[in-house]
């Protein structure tokens, strides 16, 4: 992909630096080498993993088979409620990660 062909709304990444295509357009040509079109993905916190981590912590202070009993007493509805809370807490741009997809260059 040529420098001037970066699509509107794109993100670009070089090392740990991420910029949007508006900032990209302001870079001088000599600073555009080594950048990649970036794919953005939002990291999702899974309720079941959080619940299992909590149960593991409780078991350290508890008794034999406590984990089994606790897991048997947690229903799908409770897991869904926890997932809803986690989604609300972490559904923001701070949870976005960017991965390089395609190198941007003059002759590509």
N, C-alpha and C. Protein backbone atom coordinates (compact mmCIF):
# COMPACT_ATOMS: atom_id res chain seq x y z
N UNK A 1 0.86 -1.17 0.00
CA UNK A 1 0.00 0.00 0.00
C UNK A 1 0.90 1.23 0.00
N UNK A 2 0.59 2.18 -0.86
CA UNK A 2 1.37 3.41 -0.95
C UNK A 2 0.98 4.36 0.17
N UNK A 3 1.91 5.26 0.49
CA UNK A 3 1.67 6.23 1.56
C UNK A 3 0.35 6.96 1.39
N UNK A 4 0.07 7.37 0.17
CA UNK A 4 -1.13 8.18 -0.08
C UNK A 4 -2.41 7.36 -0.16
N UNK A 5 -2.30 6.04 -0.05
CA UNK A 5 -3.48 5.17 -0.15
C UNK A 5 -4.01 4.70 1.21
N UNK A 6 -3.52 5.26 2.30
CA UNK A 6 -4.00 4.87 3.63
C UNK A 6 -5.47 5.28 3.74
N UNK A 7 -6.36 4.33 3.97
CA UNK A 7 -7.80 4.63 4.00
C UNK A 7 -8.19 5.55 5.17
N UNK A 8 -9.18 6.36 4.93
CA UNK A 8 -9.73 7.21 5.97
C UNK A 8 -10.26 6.34 7.11
N UNK A 9 -10.05 6.79 8.33
CA UNK A 9 -10.52 6.03 9.49
C UNK A 9 -9.56 4.95 9.96
N UNK A 10 -8.41 4.85 9.29
CA UNK A 10 -7.42 3.83 9.66
C UNK A 10 -6.59 4.26 10.85
N UNK A 11 -6.02 3.26 11.49
CA UNK A 11 -5.00 3.48 12.51
C UNK A 11 -3.70 2.90 11.97
N UNK A 12 -2.59 3.52 12.37
CA UNK A 12 -1.28 3.04 11.96
C UNK A 12 -0.44 2.80 13.20
N UNK A 13 0.47 1.84 13.09
CA UNK A 13 1.30 1.48 14.24
C UNK A 13 2.75 1.33 13.81
N UNK A 14 3.63 1.80 14.67
CA UNK A 14 5.08 1.63 14.49
C UNK A 14 5.65 1.43 15.88
N UNK A 15 6.16 0.23 16.14
CA UNK A 15 6.60 -0.09 17.50
C UNK A 15 5.41 -0.05 18.44
N UNK A 16 5.49 0.79 19.47
CA UNK A 16 4.38 0.94 20.42
C UNK A 16 3.57 2.20 20.19
N UNK A 17 3.83 2.88 19.08
CA UNK A 17 3.14 4.14 18.79
C UNK A 17 1.99 3.89 17.83
N UNK A 18 0.81 4.36 18.19
CA UNK A 18 -0.38 4.23 17.35
C UNK A 18 -0.88 5.64 17.03
N UNK A 19 -1.17 5.87 15.75
CA UNK A 19 -1.73 7.16 15.33
C UNK A 19 -2.92 6.89 14.42
N UNK A 20 -3.80 7.88 14.29
CA UNK A 20 -4.89 7.75 13.33
C UNK A 20 -4.45 8.33 11.99
N UNK A 21 -5.27 8.12 10.96
CA UNK A 21 -4.84 8.55 9.64
C UNK A 21 -4.77 10.08 9.51
N UNK A 22 -5.48 10.81 10.36
CA UNK A 22 -5.38 12.28 10.33
C UNK A 22 -3.99 12.72 10.76
N UNK A 23 -3.46 12.10 11.81
CA UNK A 23 -2.10 12.42 12.24
C UNK A 23 -1.09 11.93 11.20
N UNK A 24 -1.37 10.76 10.61
CA UNK A 24 -0.53 10.21 9.55
C UNK A 24 -0.36 11.22 8.41
N UNK A 25 -1.46 11.85 8.02
CA UNK A 25 -1.43 12.81 6.92
C UNK A 25 -0.53 14.00 7.20
N UNK A 26 -0.28 14.31 8.48
CA UNK A 26 0.56 15.46 8.83
C UNK A 26 2.04 15.10 8.91
N UNK A 27 2.37 13.80 8.90
CA UNK A 27 3.78 13.40 8.99
C UNK A 27 4.52 13.74 7.70
N UNK A 28 5.74 14.25 7.82
CA UNK A 28 6.54 14.44 6.62
C UNK A 28 6.90 13.08 6.01
N UNK A 29 7.12 13.04 4.72
CA UNK A 29 7.39 11.78 4.00
C UNK A 29 8.55 11.01 4.61
N UNK A 30 9.57 11.71 5.09
CA UNK A 30 10.74 11.02 5.64
C UNK A 30 10.46 10.33 6.97
N UNK A 31 9.30 10.57 7.58
CA UNK A 31 8.93 9.92 8.85
C UNK A 31 7.88 8.82 8.66
N UNK A 32 7.53 8.52 7.41
CA UNK A 32 6.47 7.55 7.15
C UNK A 32 6.98 6.12 6.94
N UNK A 33 8.27 5.92 6.93
CA UNK A 33 8.81 4.57 6.73
C UNK A 33 8.58 3.70 7.98
N UNK A 34 8.27 2.44 7.75
CA UNK A 34 8.17 1.47 8.85
C UNK A 34 6.83 1.43 9.56
N UNK A 35 5.83 2.14 9.06
CA UNK A 35 4.50 2.13 9.67
C UNK A 35 3.63 1.04 9.04
N UNK A 36 2.73 0.50 9.83
CA UNK A 36 1.80 -0.54 9.38
C UNK A 36 0.36 -0.07 9.58
N UNK A 37 -0.52 -0.49 8.67
CA UNK A 37 -1.95 -0.36 8.95
C UNK A 37 -2.22 -1.27 10.14
N UNK A 38 -2.99 -0.79 11.10
CA UNK A 38 -3.22 -1.54 12.33
C UNK A 38 -4.66 -2.03 12.40
N UNK A 39 -4.80 -3.21 12.94
CA UNK A 39 -6.13 -3.76 13.24
C UNK A 39 -6.41 -3.49 14.72
N UNK A 40 -7.58 -2.93 14.99
CA UNK A 40 -7.95 -2.63 16.37
C UNK A 40 -8.88 -3.73 16.89
N UNK A 41 -8.60 -4.17 18.12
CA UNK A 41 -9.44 -5.18 18.76
C UNK A 41 -9.65 -4.76 20.21
N UNK A 42 -10.87 -4.89 20.67
CA UNK A 42 -11.18 -4.57 22.07
C UNK A 42 -11.05 -5.83 22.91
N UNK A 43 -10.22 -5.76 23.94
CA UNK A 43 -10.03 -6.89 24.85
C UNK A 43 -11.28 -7.01 25.72
N UNK A 44 -11.76 -8.22 25.83
CA UNK A 44 -12.97 -8.47 26.62
C UNK A 44 -12.60 -9.27 27.86
N UNK A 45 -13.09 -8.84 29.00
CA UNK A 45 -12.89 -9.56 30.25
C UNK A 45 -14.02 -10.58 30.37
N UNK A 46 -13.66 -11.84 30.53
CA UNK A 46 -14.65 -12.92 30.58
C UNK A 46 -15.10 -13.18 32.01
N UNK A 47 -16.40 -13.13 32.24
CA UNK A 47 -16.98 -13.31 33.57
C UNK A 47 -16.58 -14.65 34.19
N UNK A 48 -16.64 -15.70 33.42
CA UNK A 48 -16.34 -17.03 33.97
C UNK A 48 -14.90 -17.11 34.48
N UNK A 49 -13.98 -16.47 33.77
CA UNK A 49 -12.58 -16.46 34.23
C UNK A 49 -12.46 -15.68 35.54
N UNK A 50 -13.13 -14.53 35.62
CA UNK A 50 -13.09 -13.72 36.84
C UNK A 50 -13.67 -14.51 38.01
N UNK A 51 -14.80 -15.15 37.77
CA UNK A 51 -15.45 -15.95 38.82
C UNK A 51 -14.53 -17.08 39.27
N UNK A 52 -13.91 -17.77 38.32
CA UNK A 52 -13.00 -18.87 38.67
C UNK A 52 -11.79 -18.37 39.44
N UNK A 53 -11.28 -17.20 39.08
CA UNK A 53 -10.15 -16.62 39.84
C UNK A 53 -10.56 -16.30 41.27
N UNK A 54 -11.77 -15.78 41.44
CA UNK A 54 -12.28 -15.48 42.79
C UNK A 54 -12.44 -16.77 43.59
N UNK A 55 -13.00 -17.78 42.96
CA UNK A 55 -13.17 -19.07 43.64
C UNK A 55 -11.82 -19.65 44.04
N UNK A 56 -10.83 -19.56 43.15
CA UNK A 56 -9.48 -20.05 43.49
C UNK A 56 -8.93 -19.34 44.71
N UNK A 57 -9.13 -18.03 44.79
CA UNK A 57 -8.68 -17.26 45.96
C UNK A 57 -9.41 -17.71 47.22
N UNK A 58 -10.71 -17.97 47.10
CA UNK A 58 -11.50 -18.40 48.26
C UNK A 58 -11.06 -19.78 48.74
N UNK A 59 -10.75 -20.67 47.80
CA UNK A 59 -10.36 -22.04 48.13
C UNK A 59 -9.08 -22.05 48.97
N UNK A 60 -8.18 -21.11 48.70
CA UNK A 60 -6.94 -21.04 49.49
C UNK A 60 -7.23 -20.82 50.97
N UNK A 61 -8.35 -20.20 51.29
CA UNK A 61 -8.72 -19.95 52.68
C UNK A 61 -9.79 -20.91 53.17
N UNK A 62 -10.28 -21.75 52.27
CA UNK A 62 -11.44 -22.57 52.58
C UNK A 62 -11.13 -24.01 52.92
N UNK A 63 -11.89 -24.91 52.29
CA UNK A 63 -11.85 -26.33 52.64
C UNK A 63 -11.87 -27.18 51.37
N UNK A 64 -11.64 -28.48 51.53
CA UNK A 64 -11.65 -29.40 50.40
C UNK A 64 -12.98 -29.34 49.67
N UNK A 65 -12.91 -29.35 48.36
CA UNK A 65 -14.08 -29.36 47.47
C UNK A 65 -14.90 -28.07 47.52
N UNK A 66 -14.40 -27.04 48.18
CA UNK A 66 -15.12 -25.77 48.23
C UNK A 66 -15.36 -25.24 46.81
N UNK A 67 -14.37 -25.40 45.93
CA UNK A 67 -14.51 -24.89 44.57
C UNK A 67 -15.66 -25.56 43.83
N UNK A 68 -15.79 -26.85 44.01
CA UNK A 68 -16.87 -27.59 43.34
C UNK A 68 -18.23 -27.12 43.83
N UNK A 69 -18.35 -26.97 45.13
CA UNK A 69 -19.63 -26.53 45.71
C UNK A 69 -19.98 -25.12 45.26
N UNK A 70 -18.99 -24.23 45.27
CA UNK A 70 -19.24 -22.85 44.83
C UNK A 70 -19.66 -22.82 43.36
N UNK A 71 -18.94 -23.56 42.51
CA UNK A 71 -19.27 -23.57 41.08
C UNK A 71 -20.67 -24.13 40.82
N UNK A 72 -21.06 -25.13 41.59
CA UNK A 72 -22.39 -25.73 41.43
C UNK A 72 -23.50 -24.75 41.82
N UNK A 73 -23.17 -23.77 42.64
CA UNK A 73 -24.17 -22.82 43.12
C UNK A 73 -24.19 -21.51 42.34
N UNK A 74 -23.43 -21.44 41.28
CA UNK A 74 -23.45 -20.25 40.43
C UNK A 74 -24.13 -20.61 39.12
N UNK A 75 -25.22 -19.93 38.84
CA UNK A 75 -26.01 -20.24 37.65
C UNK A 75 -25.66 -19.36 36.46
N UNK A 76 -26.21 -19.74 35.31
CA UNK A 76 -25.97 -18.99 34.08
C UNK A 76 -26.44 -17.55 34.19
N UNK A 77 -27.54 -17.33 34.90
CA UNK A 77 -28.07 -15.97 35.05
C UNK A 77 -27.08 -15.09 35.84
N UNK A 78 -26.49 -15.66 36.86
CA UNK A 78 -25.50 -14.90 37.65
C UNK A 78 -24.25 -14.60 36.83
N UNK A 79 -23.82 -15.56 36.03
CA UNK A 79 -22.67 -15.34 35.16
C UNK A 79 -22.98 -14.23 34.15
N UNK A 80 -24.19 -14.26 33.60
CA UNK A 80 -24.60 -13.23 32.63
C UNK A 80 -24.62 -11.84 33.28
N UNK A 81 -25.09 -11.76 34.52
CA UNK A 81 -25.09 -10.48 35.24
C UNK A 81 -23.67 -9.97 35.43
N UNK A 82 -22.78 -10.87 35.84
CA UNK A 82 -21.38 -10.49 36.02
C UNK A 82 -20.79 -10.02 34.69
N UNK A 83 -21.10 -10.73 33.61
CA UNK A 83 -20.58 -10.34 32.29
C UNK A 83 -21.08 -8.96 31.90
N UNK A 84 -22.33 -8.68 32.20
CA UNK A 84 -22.90 -7.37 31.90
C UNK A 84 -22.15 -6.26 32.63
N UNK A 85 -21.85 -6.48 33.90
CA UNK A 85 -21.11 -5.49 34.69
C UNK A 85 -19.70 -5.31 34.12
N UNK A 86 -19.03 -6.40 33.81
CA UNK A 86 -17.67 -6.32 33.26
C UNK A 86 -17.67 -5.61 31.91
N UNK A 87 -18.66 -5.90 31.08
CA UNK A 87 -18.76 -5.23 29.78
C UNK A 87 -18.91 -3.73 29.96
N UNK A 88 -19.75 -3.34 30.91
CA UNK A 88 -19.96 -1.91 31.17
C UNK A 88 -18.68 -1.24 31.69
N UNK A 89 -17.97 -1.92 32.57
CA UNK A 89 -16.75 -1.35 33.15
C UNK A 89 -15.63 -1.17 32.13
N UNK A 90 -15.49 -2.13 31.23
CA UNK A 90 -14.31 -2.16 30.37
C UNK A 90 -14.60 -1.89 28.90
N UNK A 91 -15.81 -1.44 28.57
CA UNK A 91 -16.14 -1.13 27.18
C UNK A 91 -15.74 0.31 26.88
N UNK A 92 -14.42 0.54 26.76
CA UNK A 92 -13.91 1.86 26.43
C UNK A 92 -12.58 1.71 25.69
N UNK A 93 -12.12 2.80 25.12
CA UNK A 93 -10.94 2.74 24.26
C UNK A 93 -9.67 2.30 24.99
N UNK A 94 -9.64 2.40 26.30
CA UNK A 94 -8.46 1.94 27.05
C UNK A 94 -8.28 0.43 26.90
N UNK A 95 -9.33 -0.28 26.54
CA UNK A 95 -9.25 -1.74 26.37
C UNK A 95 -8.94 -2.13 24.92
N UNK A 96 -8.64 -1.15 24.07
CA UNK A 96 -8.30 -1.44 22.68
C UNK A 96 -6.82 -1.79 22.54
N UNK A 97 -6.55 -2.80 21.74
CA UNK A 97 -5.17 -3.14 21.38
C UNK A 97 -5.06 -3.11 19.86
N UNK A 98 -3.87 -2.80 19.39
CA UNK A 98 -3.64 -2.65 17.96
C UNK A 98 -2.55 -3.62 17.52
N UNK A 99 -2.78 -4.25 16.37
CA UNK A 99 -1.81 -5.20 15.82
C UNK A 99 -1.48 -4.79 14.39
N UNK A 100 -0.19 -4.82 14.02
CA UNK A 100 0.18 -4.48 12.65
C UNK A 100 -0.36 -5.51 11.67
N UNK A 101 -0.90 -5.02 10.54
CA UNK A 101 -1.48 -5.90 9.54
C UNK A 101 -0.75 -5.80 8.20
N UNK A 102 -0.55 -4.56 7.73
CA UNK A 102 0.04 -4.38 6.40
C UNK A 102 1.00 -3.20 6.41
N UNK A 103 2.21 -3.45 5.94
CA UNK A 103 3.23 -2.41 5.87
C UNK A 103 2.83 -1.37 4.83
N UNK A 104 3.00 -0.11 5.18
CA UNK A 104 2.74 0.98 4.26
C UNK A 104 4.07 1.40 3.67
N UNK A 105 4.16 1.49 2.34
CA UNK A 105 5.41 1.86 1.70
C UNK A 105 5.19 2.48 0.34
N UNK A 106 6.24 2.98 -0.24
CA UNK A 106 6.15 3.68 -1.52
C UNK A 106 5.74 2.79 -2.68
N UNK A 107 6.31 1.60 -2.78
CA UNK A 107 6.15 0.79 -3.98
C UNK A 107 5.22 -0.40 -3.80
N UNK A 108 4.43 -0.41 -2.75
CA UNK A 108 3.59 -1.59 -2.49
C UNK A 108 2.18 -1.37 -2.98
